Amino acid sequence: MSFIFTSEPIAAALLERAQEGVVVQGVIEDRNTGGQYSQYDRLRQVVHDLLPDGNPYTMHHKVIIIDDATVILGSYNFTASANERNDENILIIHDPEVAALFVEEFGRVYEQARTQE
């Protein structure tokens, strides 16, 4: 779940995993899917399921769920600026209970996006 996604290296890693057969799904804030550096179209060609968000407000999530035990989150936008210029943070949490909460939130956000298509 991502507010903005312009990071080419992170997109490349997701594409690689998808090509290896890993199920890659996601939801990106609708207003940021068509931006100049957005990786949305590039990812959508290969990943299993990538949708623009479906809520009428701003989806400001910045989360990558790796599996049922590992979640990456923080103030870190998935952009080159977040990595090179901004003072953004990132947490990697290894906890099945915490991951389950994010999986539940992804299900809610995904369903909202899916029904808007």
Protein backbone atom coordinates (compact mmCIF):
# COMPACT_ATOMS: atom_id res chain seq x y z
CA MET A 1 0.00 0.00 0.00
CA SER A 2 1.64 3.19 -1.13
CA PHE A 3 0.85 6.88 -1.22
CA ILE A 4 3.42 7.41 -3.98
CA PHE A 5 5.64 4.91 -5.78
CA THR A 6 8.42 6.24 -7.99
CA SER A 7 11.39 4.17 -6.80
CA GLU A 8 12.90 2.30 -9.73
CA PRO A 9 15.05 0.00 -7.54
CA ILE A 10 12.10 -1.08 -5.35
CA ALA A 11 9.95 -1.57 -8.46
CA ALA A 12 12.72 -3.70 -10.01
CA ALA A 13 12.86 -5.88 -6.88
CA LEU A 14 9.08 -6.38 -6.96
CA LEU A 15 9.15 -7.19 -10.67
CA GLU A 16 11.91 -9.72 -10.11
CA ARG A 17 9.91 -11.43 -7.37
CA ALA A 18 6.78 -11.48 -9.54
CA GLN A 19 8.72 -13.04 -12.42
CA GLU A 20 9.96 -15.71 -9.98
CA GLY A 21 6.34 -16.61 -9.22
CA VAL A 22 5.86 -14.68 -5.97
CA VAL A 23 2.35 -13.21 -5.76
CA VAL A 24 2.76 -9.44 -5.76
CA GLN A 25 -0.30 -7.31 -5.06
CA GLY A 26 -0.65 -3.66 -4.23
CA VAL A 27 -2.72 -0.52 -3.99
CA ILE A 28 -1.34 2.93 -4.85
CA GLU A 29 -2.98 6.29 -4.16
CA ASP A 30 -5.08 6.97 -7.25
CA ARG A 31 -3.88 10.53 -7.83
CA ASN A 32 -0.25 9.35 -7.91
CA THR A 33 -0.57 6.49 -10.39
CA GLY A 34 -0.10 8.70 -13.45
CA GLY A 35 2.72 10.91 -12.21
CA GLN A 36 5.82 11.56 -14.31
CA TYR A 37 8.02 9.06 -12.44
CA SER A 38 5.31 6.72 -11.22
CA GLN A 39 6.17 3.04 -11.43
CA TYR A 40 2.47 2.11 -11.55
CA ASP A 41 2.27 1.28 -15.27
CA ARG A 42 5.60 -0.54 -15.22
CA LEU A 43 4.54 -2.67 -12.25
CA ARG A 44 1.04 -3.30 -13.53
CA GLN A 45 2.42 -5.01 -16.63
CA VAL A 46 4.02 -7.80 -14.57
CA VAL A 47 2.70 -7.98 -11.02
CA HIS A 48 -0.31 -10.10 -10.25
CA ASP A 49 -2.63 -7.39 -9.04
CA LEU A 50 -1.95 -3.67 -8.69
CA LEU A 51 -4.81 -1.23 -8.28
CA PRO A 52 -5.36 2.49 -7.77
CA ASP A 53 -6.97 3.08 -4.39
CA GLY A 54 -10.73 3.35 -4.24
CA ASN A 55 -11.40 5.75 -1.39
CA PRO A 56 -12.53 9.33 -2.08
CA TYR A 57 -9.82 10.73 0.20
CA THR A 58 -6.05 10.38 0.31
CA MET A 59 -4.62 6.92 0.97
CA HIS A 60 -1.41 7.84 2.76
CA HIS A 61 -0.19 4.32 3.55
CA LYS A 62 3.50 3.47 3.20
CA VAL A 63 3.62 -0.26 3.80
CA ILE A 64 5.08 -3.35 2.18
CA ILE A 65 3.88 -6.67 3.56
CA ILE A 66 6.52 -9.28 2.83
CA ASP A 67 4.73 -12.31 4.22
CA ASP A 68 2.62 -13.34 7.20
CA ALA A 69 5.41 -12.28 9.57
CA THR A 70 7.34 -9.34 8.07
CA VAL A 71 6.16 -5.80 7.36
CA ILE A 72 8.08 -2.73 6.15
CA LEU A 73 6.58 0.63 7.13
CA GLY A 74 7.37 4.16 8.20
CA SER A 75 7.32 7.71 6.92
CA TYR A 76 9.42 6.50 3.97
CA ASN A 77 7.73 7.18 0.64
CA PHE A 78 8.84 4.77 -2.05
CA THR A 79 10.77 7.46 -3.94
CA ALA A 80 14.35 8.40 -4.74
CA SER A 81 13.92 11.57 -2.64
CA ALA A 82 12.99 9.49 0.40
CA ASN A 83 16.18 7.52 -0.05
CA GLU A 84 18.59 10.29 -1.02
CA ARG A 85 17.39 13.67 0.26
CA ASN A 86 14.59 13.49 2.82
CA ASP A 87 14.86 12.51 6.45
CA GLU A 88 12.37 9.65 6.30
CA ASN A 89 12.35 6.55 8.44
CA ILE A 90 11.65 2.91 7.79
CA LEU A 91 10.90 0.04 10.16
CA ILE A 92 11.11 -3.65 9.40
CA ILE A 93 8.95 -5.56 11.83
CA HIS A 94 9.18 -9.33 12.18
CA ASP A 95 6.05 -10.27 14.12
CA PRO A 96 3.17 -12.45 12.91
CA GLU A 97 0.61 -10.62 15.09
CA VAL A 98 1.62 -7.22 13.74
CA ALA A 99 1.77 -8.57 10.18
CA ALA A 100 -1.75 -9.96 10.58
CA LEU A 101 -3.07 -6.48 11.36
CA PHE A 102 -1.47 -5.10 8.20
CA VAL A 103 -2.78 -8.03 6.13
CA GLU A 104 -6.25 -7.21 7.44
CA GLU A 105 -5.84 -3.53 6.51
CA PHE A 106 -4.55 -4.50 3.07
CA GLY A 107 -7.66 -6.65 2.58
CA ARG A 108 -9.88 -3.69 3.42
CA VAL A 109 -7.98 -1.24 1.17
CA TYR A 110 -7.71 -3.80 -1.64
CA GLU A 111 -11.43 -4.61 -1.56
CA GLN A 112 -12.27 -0.91 -1.66
CA ALA A 113 -9.96 -0.46 -4.67
CA ARG A 114 -11.24 -3.58 -6.41
CA THR A 115 -14.88 -2.52 -6.17
CA GLN A 116 -14.06 0.89 -7.64
CA GLU A 117 -12.62 -0.57 -10.86
